[in-house]
Amino acid sequence: MTLRNKNILPRKDFAIRVLKYSVVALMLIVISEGIGILGYHIYGDLSYIDSFYNASMILTGMGPVDPMKTEAGKIFASFYALFSGIVFLSTVAVFFAPFAHRLMHLLHVDEEE
């Protein structure tokens, strides 16, 4: 093994790391979707299917589908939209972290000279 590759994980270990980070990213999405479904159902007076649809559209950045008729629904939808923006960016960061880490090792970004 050359000096250049000495700190790089083998492909199998890297694949396991990517899988672990992918599971964490998926859990973030599932939990966030669950919060949205419950919130739209409780505060927006929507059915579970409509709540799922609205939460999915907001979480992916597409925008709301059903207008909120109650004040509580409007407040929830506002905070959920802000929350979703942060969750989306965080999920992307978690998913791509092992790739960025590996790239930094390949480019010796963390090496002191």
N, C-alpha and C. Protein backbone atom coordinates (compact mmCIF):
# COMPACT_ATOMS: atom_id res chain seq x y z
N MET A 1 0.85 -1.17 0.00
CA MET A 1 0.00 0.00 0.00
C MET A 1 0.90 1.23 0.00
N THR A 2 0.61 2.15 -0.87
CA THR A 2 1.42 3.36 -0.95
C THR A 2 1.04 4.31 0.17
N LEU A 3 1.88 5.29 0.37
CA LEU A 3 1.62 6.30 1.39
C LEU A 3 0.32 7.04 1.09
N ARG A 4 0.05 7.23 -0.19
CA ARG A 4 -1.14 7.96 -0.60
C ARG A 4 -2.42 7.25 -0.16
N ASN A 5 -2.47 5.94 -0.17
CA ASN A 5 -3.67 5.18 0.14
C ASN A 5 -3.70 4.60 1.55
N LYS A 6 -2.76 4.96 2.38
CA LYS A 6 -2.64 4.29 3.67
C LYS A 6 -3.82 4.53 4.61
N ASN A 7 -4.50 5.67 4.55
CA ASN A 7 -5.60 5.96 5.46
C ASN A 7 -6.98 5.76 4.84
N ILE A 8 -7.05 5.25 3.65
CA ILE A 8 -8.33 5.08 2.97
C ILE A 8 -8.93 3.73 3.33
N LEU A 9 -10.22 3.76 3.69
CA LEU A 9 -10.91 2.51 4.03
C LEU A 9 -11.00 1.60 2.81
N PRO A 10 -10.92 0.31 3.03
CA PRO A 10 -11.16 -0.62 1.93
C PRO A 10 -12.61 -0.46 1.43
N ARG A 11 -12.84 -0.88 0.19
CA ARG A 11 -14.16 -0.70 -0.43
C ARG A 11 -15.29 -1.31 0.39
N LYS A 12 -15.06 -2.49 0.96
CA LYS A 12 -16.11 -3.15 1.74
C LYS A 12 -16.48 -2.32 2.97
N ASP A 13 -15.48 -1.84 3.69
CA ASP A 13 -15.75 -1.01 4.87
C ASP A 13 -16.40 0.32 4.48
N PHE A 14 -15.97 0.86 3.36
CA PHE A 14 -16.58 2.10 2.87
C PHE A 14 -18.05 1.88 2.52
N ALA A 15 -18.35 0.76 1.88
CA ALA A 15 -19.74 0.44 1.54
C ALA A 15 -20.59 0.30 2.80
N ILE A 16 -20.05 -0.29 3.84
CA ILE A 16 -20.77 -0.42 5.11
C ILE A 16 -21.01 0.96 5.72
N ARG A 17 -20.01 1.84 5.64
CA ARG A 17 -20.16 3.20 6.16
C ARG A 17 -21.25 3.94 5.38
N VAL A 18 -21.24 3.81 4.07
CA VAL A 18 -22.26 4.47 3.25
C VAL A 18 -23.64 3.94 3.61
N LEU A 19 -23.75 2.64 3.82
CA LEU A 19 -25.03 2.04 4.21
C LEU A 19 -25.52 2.60 5.55
N LYS A 20 -24.63 2.71 6.52
CA LYS A 20 -25.00 3.25 7.83
C LYS A 20 -25.50 4.69 7.71
N TYR A 21 -24.79 5.51 6.96
CA TYR A 21 -25.19 6.90 6.80
C TYR A 21 -26.49 7.00 6.01
N SER A 22 -26.70 6.10 5.08
CA SER A 22 -27.94 6.09 4.30
C SER A 22 -29.12 5.75 5.20
N VAL A 23 -28.92 4.82 6.12
CA VAL A 23 -29.99 4.45 7.06
C VAL A 23 -30.33 5.64 7.96
N VAL A 24 -29.33 6.36 8.43
CA VAL A 24 -29.58 7.54 9.26
C VAL A 24 -30.34 8.59 8.45
N ALA A 25 -29.94 8.81 7.20
CA ALA A 25 -30.64 9.78 6.35
C ALA A 25 -32.09 9.34 6.13
N LEU A 26 -32.31 8.07 5.90
CA LEU A 26 -33.67 7.55 5.70
C LEU A 26 -34.50 7.72 6.96
N MET A 27 -33.89 7.49 8.12
CA MET A 27 -34.61 7.68 9.39
C MET A 27 -35.02 9.14 9.56
N LEU A 28 -34.14 10.06 9.20
CA LEU A 28 -34.49 11.49 9.27
C LEU A 28 -35.71 11.80 8.41
N ILE A 29 -35.73 11.23 7.22
CA ILE A 29 -36.85 11.46 6.31
C ILE A 29 -38.14 10.86 6.86
N VAL A 30 -38.06 9.63 7.36
CA VAL A 30 -39.26 8.94 7.87
C VAL A 30 -39.82 9.68 9.09
N ILE A 31 -38.95 10.08 10.02
CA ILE A 31 -39.41 10.80 11.21
C ILE A 31 -40.02 12.14 10.82
N SER A 32 -39.38 12.84 9.91
CA SER A 32 -39.89 14.14 9.46
C SER A 32 -41.23 13.99 8.74
N GLU A 33 -41.35 12.96 7.94
CA GLU A 33 -42.61 12.69 7.25
C GLU A 33 -43.70 12.39 8.26
N GLY A 34 -43.37 11.61 9.29
CA GLY A 34 -44.34 11.28 10.34
C GLY A 34 -44.82 12.52 11.08
N ILE A 35 -43.90 13.43 11.38
CA ILE A 35 -44.28 14.69 12.04
C ILE A 35 -45.25 15.47 11.15
N GLY A 36 -44.94 15.52 9.87
CA GLY A 36 -45.81 16.24 8.94
C GLY A 36 -47.18 15.61 8.81
N ILE A 37 -47.22 14.29 8.72
CA ILE A 37 -48.51 13.59 8.58
C ILE A 37 -49.38 13.86 9.81
N LEU A 38 -48.80 13.70 10.98
CA LEU A 38 -49.59 13.94 12.21
C LEU A 38 -50.02 15.40 12.32
N GLY A 39 -49.12 16.31 12.01
CA GLY A 39 -49.45 17.73 12.11
C GLY A 39 -50.54 18.15 11.15
N TYR A 40 -50.43 17.73 9.91
CA TYR A 40 -51.47 18.08 8.94
C TYR A 40 -52.79 17.42 9.28
N HIS A 41 -52.74 16.22 9.82
CA HIS A 41 -53.98 15.53 10.20
C HIS A 41 -54.64 16.21 11.40
N ILE A 42 -53.85 16.52 12.41
CA ILE A 42 -54.40 17.09 13.64
C ILE A 42 -54.74 18.57 13.47
N TYR A 43 -53.80 19.37 12.97
CA TYR A 43 -53.99 20.82 12.91
C TYR A 43 -54.62 21.30 11.60
N GLY A 44 -54.46 20.53 10.54
CA GLY A 44 -55.00 20.95 9.25
C GLY A 44 -56.31 20.29 8.90
N ASP A 45 -56.77 19.41 9.77
CA ASP A 45 -58.04 18.68 9.55
C ASP A 45 -58.07 17.97 8.19
N LEU A 46 -56.96 17.33 7.82
CA LEU A 46 -56.89 16.58 6.57
C LEU A 46 -56.90 15.09 6.87
N SER A 47 -57.31 14.30 5.88
CA SER A 47 -57.25 12.85 6.04
C SER A 47 -55.78 12.42 6.07
N TYR A 48 -55.55 11.19 6.46
CA TYR A 48 -54.16 10.71 6.52
C TYR A 48 -53.51 10.69 5.14
N ILE A 49 -54.26 10.34 4.11
CA ILE A 49 -53.70 10.33 2.75
C ILE A 49 -53.35 11.74 2.30
N ASP A 50 -54.26 12.69 2.53
CA ASP A 50 -53.98 14.09 2.17
C ASP A 50 -52.84 14.64 3.01
N SER A 51 -52.78 14.24 4.28
CA SER A 51 -51.68 14.68 5.15
C SER A 51 -50.35 14.14 4.64
N PHE A 52 -50.34 12.87 4.24
CA PHE A 52 -49.13 12.27 3.68
C PHE A 52 -48.70 13.01 2.41
N TYR A 53 -49.67 13.31 1.57
CA TYR A 53 -49.39 14.02 0.32
C TYR A 53 -48.82 15.41 0.59
N ASN A 54 -49.44 16.17 1.49
CA ASN A 54 -48.96 17.51 1.81
C ASN A 54 -47.58 17.46 2.46
N ALA A 55 -47.38 16.56 3.40
CA ALA A 55 -46.09 16.46 4.08
C ALA A 55 -44.99 16.08 3.09
N SER A 56 -45.29 15.18 2.17
CA SER A 56 -44.31 14.77 1.17
C SER A 56 -43.94 15.93 0.25
N MET A 57 -44.94 16.69 -0.17
CA MET A 57 -44.69 17.80 -1.07
C MET A 57 -43.87 18.90 -0.39
N ILE A 58 -44.18 19.18 0.86
CA ILE A 58 -43.42 20.20 1.59
C ILE A 58 -41.99 19.71 1.86
N LEU A 59 -41.86 18.46 2.29
CA LEU A 59 -40.55 17.92 2.64
C LEU A 59 -39.61 17.87 1.44
N THR A 60 -40.14 17.68 0.26
CA THR A 60 -39.29 17.64 -0.94
C THR A 60 -39.11 19.01 -1.57
N GLY A 61 -39.74 20.02 -1.02
CA GLY A 61 -39.56 21.37 -1.52
C GLY A 61 -40.51 21.75 -2.64
N MET A 62 -41.51 20.93 -2.92
CA MET A 62 -42.44 21.22 -4.02
C MET A 62 -43.49 22.26 -3.63
N GLY A 63 -43.81 22.36 -2.36
CA GLY A 63 -44.79 23.34 -1.92
C GLY A 63 -46.07 22.69 -1.46
N PRO A 64 -46.92 23.49 -0.80
CA PRO A 64 -48.17 22.96 -0.25
C PRO A 64 -49.18 22.60 -1.34
N VAL A 65 -50.07 21.70 -1.01
CA VAL A 65 -51.12 21.27 -1.93
C VAL A 65 -52.46 21.81 -1.48
N ASP A 66 -52.85 21.47 -0.25
CA ASP A 66 -54.14 21.90 0.28
C ASP A 66 -53.97 23.16 1.12
N PRO A 67 -54.84 24.15 0.90
CA PRO A 67 -54.77 25.35 1.75
C PRO A 67 -55.23 25.02 3.18
N MET A 68 -54.60 25.63 4.13
CA MET A 68 -54.96 25.42 5.53
C MET A 68 -56.11 26.37 5.87
N LYS A 69 -57.16 25.81 6.47
CA LYS A 69 -58.36 26.59 6.76
C LYS A 69 -58.38 27.09 8.20
N THR A 70 -57.62 26.42 9.08
CA THR A 70 -57.61 26.82 10.49
C THR A 70 -56.33 27.60 10.79
N GLU A 71 -56.41 28.42 11.82
CA GLU A 71 -55.23 29.18 12.24
C GLU A 71 -54.12 28.22 12.70
N ALA A 72 -54.51 27.19 13.44
CA ALA A 72 -53.52 26.21 13.92
C ALA A 72 -52.86 25.50 12.74
N GLY A 73 -53.65 25.19 11.72
CA GLY A 73 -53.10 24.55 10.53
C GLY A 73 -52.11 25.44 9.80
N LYS A 74 -52.41 26.72 9.73
CA LYS A 74 -51.51 27.67 9.06
C LYS A 74 -50.20 27.81 9.84
N ILE A 75 -50.31 27.88 11.14
CA ILE A 75 -49.09 28.00 11.97
C ILE A 75 -48.25 26.73 11.84
N PHE A 76 -48.92 25.56 11.93
CA PHE A 76 -48.17 24.31 11.78
C PHE A 76 -47.50 24.24 10.42
N ALA A 77 -48.23 24.57 9.36
CA ALA A 77 -47.69 24.49 8.00
C ALA A 77 -46.48 25.42 7.84
N SER A 78 -46.52 26.58 8.46
CA SER A 78 -45.40 27.52 8.39
C SER A 78 -44.16 26.95 9.06
N PHE A 79 -44.34 26.45 10.27
CA PHE A 79 -43.18 25.88 10.98
C PHE A 79 -42.69 24.60 10.34
N TYR A 80 -43.61 23.80 9.81
CA TYR A 80 -43.20 22.56 9.14
C TYR A 80 -42.40 22.86 7.87
N ALA A 81 -42.78 23.90 7.16
CA ALA A 81 -42.03 24.29 5.96
C ALA A 81 -40.61 24.71 6.33
N LEU A 82 -40.45 25.49 7.39
CA LEU A 82 -39.10 25.88 7.84
C LEU A 82 -38.30 24.66 8.29
N PHE A 83 -38.95 23.82 9.07
CA PHE A 83 -38.33 22.59 9.55
C PHE A 83 -37.90 21.71 8.38
N SER A 84 -38.76 21.59 7.38
CA SER A 84 -38.47 20.73 6.23
C SER A 84 -37.25 21.21 5.45
N GLY A 85 -37.10 22.51 5.32
CA GLY A 85 -35.92 23.04 4.63
C GLY A 85 -34.64 22.64 5.33
N ILE A 86 -34.65 22.71 6.64
CA ILE A 86 -33.46 22.34 7.42
C ILE A 86 -33.23 20.84 7.34
N VAL A 87 -34.30 20.05 7.45
CA VAL A 87 -34.18 18.60 7.38
C VAL A 87 -33.66 18.15 6.02
N PHE A 88 -34.14 18.78 4.96
CA PHE A 88 -33.68 18.42 3.62
C PHE A 88 -32.18 18.63 3.49
N LEU A 89 -31.70 19.80 3.91
CA LEU A 89 -30.26 20.08 3.83
C LEU A 89 -29.46 19.15 4.73
N SER A 90 -29.98 18.88 5.92
CA SER A 90 -29.28 17.99 6.85
C SER A 90 -29.21 16.56 6.31
N THR A 91 -30.29 16.11 5.70
CA THR A 91 -30.32 14.76 5.15
C THR A 91 -29.32 14.62 4.01
N VAL A 92 -29.25 15.61 3.16
CA VAL A 92 -28.28 15.59 2.07
C VAL A 92 -26.86 15.57 2.63
N ALA A 93 -26.62 16.37 3.66
CA ALA A 93 -25.28 16.41 4.27
C ALA A 93 -24.92 15.07 4.90
N VAL A 94 -25.86 14.45 5.60
CA VAL A 94 -25.60 13.15 6.23
C VAL A 94 -25.31 12.10 5.16
N PHE A 95 -26.12 12.09 4.09
CA PHE A 95 -25.94 11.09 3.04
C PHE A 95 -24.60 11.23 2.33
N PHE A 96 -24.18 12.46 2.05
CA PHE A 96 -22.94 12.67 1.30
C PHE A 96 -21.68 12.76 2.17
N ALA A 97 -21.82 12.74 3.49
CA ALA A 97 -20.67 12.86 4.39
C ALA A 97 -19.59 11.80 4.14
N PRO A 98 -19.93 10.51 4.00
CA PRO A 98 -18.86 9.54 3.78
C PRO A 98 -18.12 9.76 2.45
N PHE A 99 -18.84 10.23 1.43
CA PHE A 99 -18.20 10.49 0.15
C PHE A 99 -17.25 11.69 0.25
N ALA A 100 -17.69 12.74 0.95
CA ALA A 100 -16.84 13.92 1.14
C ALA A 100 -15.61 13.55 1.97
N HIS A 101 -15.79 12.74 2.99
CA HIS A 101 -14.69 12.31 3.84
C HIS A 101 -13.66 11.52 3.04
N ARG A 102 -14.15 10.62 2.22
CA ARG A 102 -13.24 9.82 1.38
C ARG A 102 -12.51 10.70 0.38
N LEU A 103 -13.22 11.65 -0.20
CA LEU A 103 -12.59 12.57 -1.16
C LEU A 103 -11.51 13.39 -0.48
N MET A 104 -11.74 13.84 0.75
CA MET A 104 -10.72 14.61 1.47
C MET A 104 -9.49 13.75 1.73
N HIS A 105 -9.69 12.48 2.05
CA HIS A 105 -8.54 11.59 2.23
C HIS A 105 -7.79 11.41 0.92
N LEU A 106 -8.53 11.25 -0.16
CA LEU A 106 -7.88 11.07 -1.46
C LEU A 106 -7.08 12.30 -1.87
N LEU A 107 -7.57 13.48 -1.50
CA LEU A 107 -6.89 14.72 -1.85
C LEU A 107 -5.93 15.21 -0.77
N HIS A 108 -5.82 14.46 0.31
CA HIS A 108 -4.94 14.80 1.45
C HIS A 108 -5.28 16.16 2.04
N VAL A 109 -6.55 16.48 2.13
CA VAL A 109 -6.96 17.76 2.69
C VAL A 109 -6.61 17.85 4.17
N ASP A 110 -6.70 16.71 4.88
CA ASP A 110 -6.45 16.75 6.32
C ASP A 110 -4.97 16.50 6.66
N GLU A 111 -4.11 16.44 5.69
CA GLU A 111 -2.69 16.17 5.93
C GLU A 111 -1.96 17.46 6.23
N GLU A 112 -1.20 17.49 7.31
CA GLU A 112 -0.39 18.66 7.64
C GLU A 112 0.96 18.54 6.95
N GLU A 113 1.43 19.67 6.44
CA GLU A 113 2.74 19.65 5.78
C GLU A 113 3.74 20.47 6.54
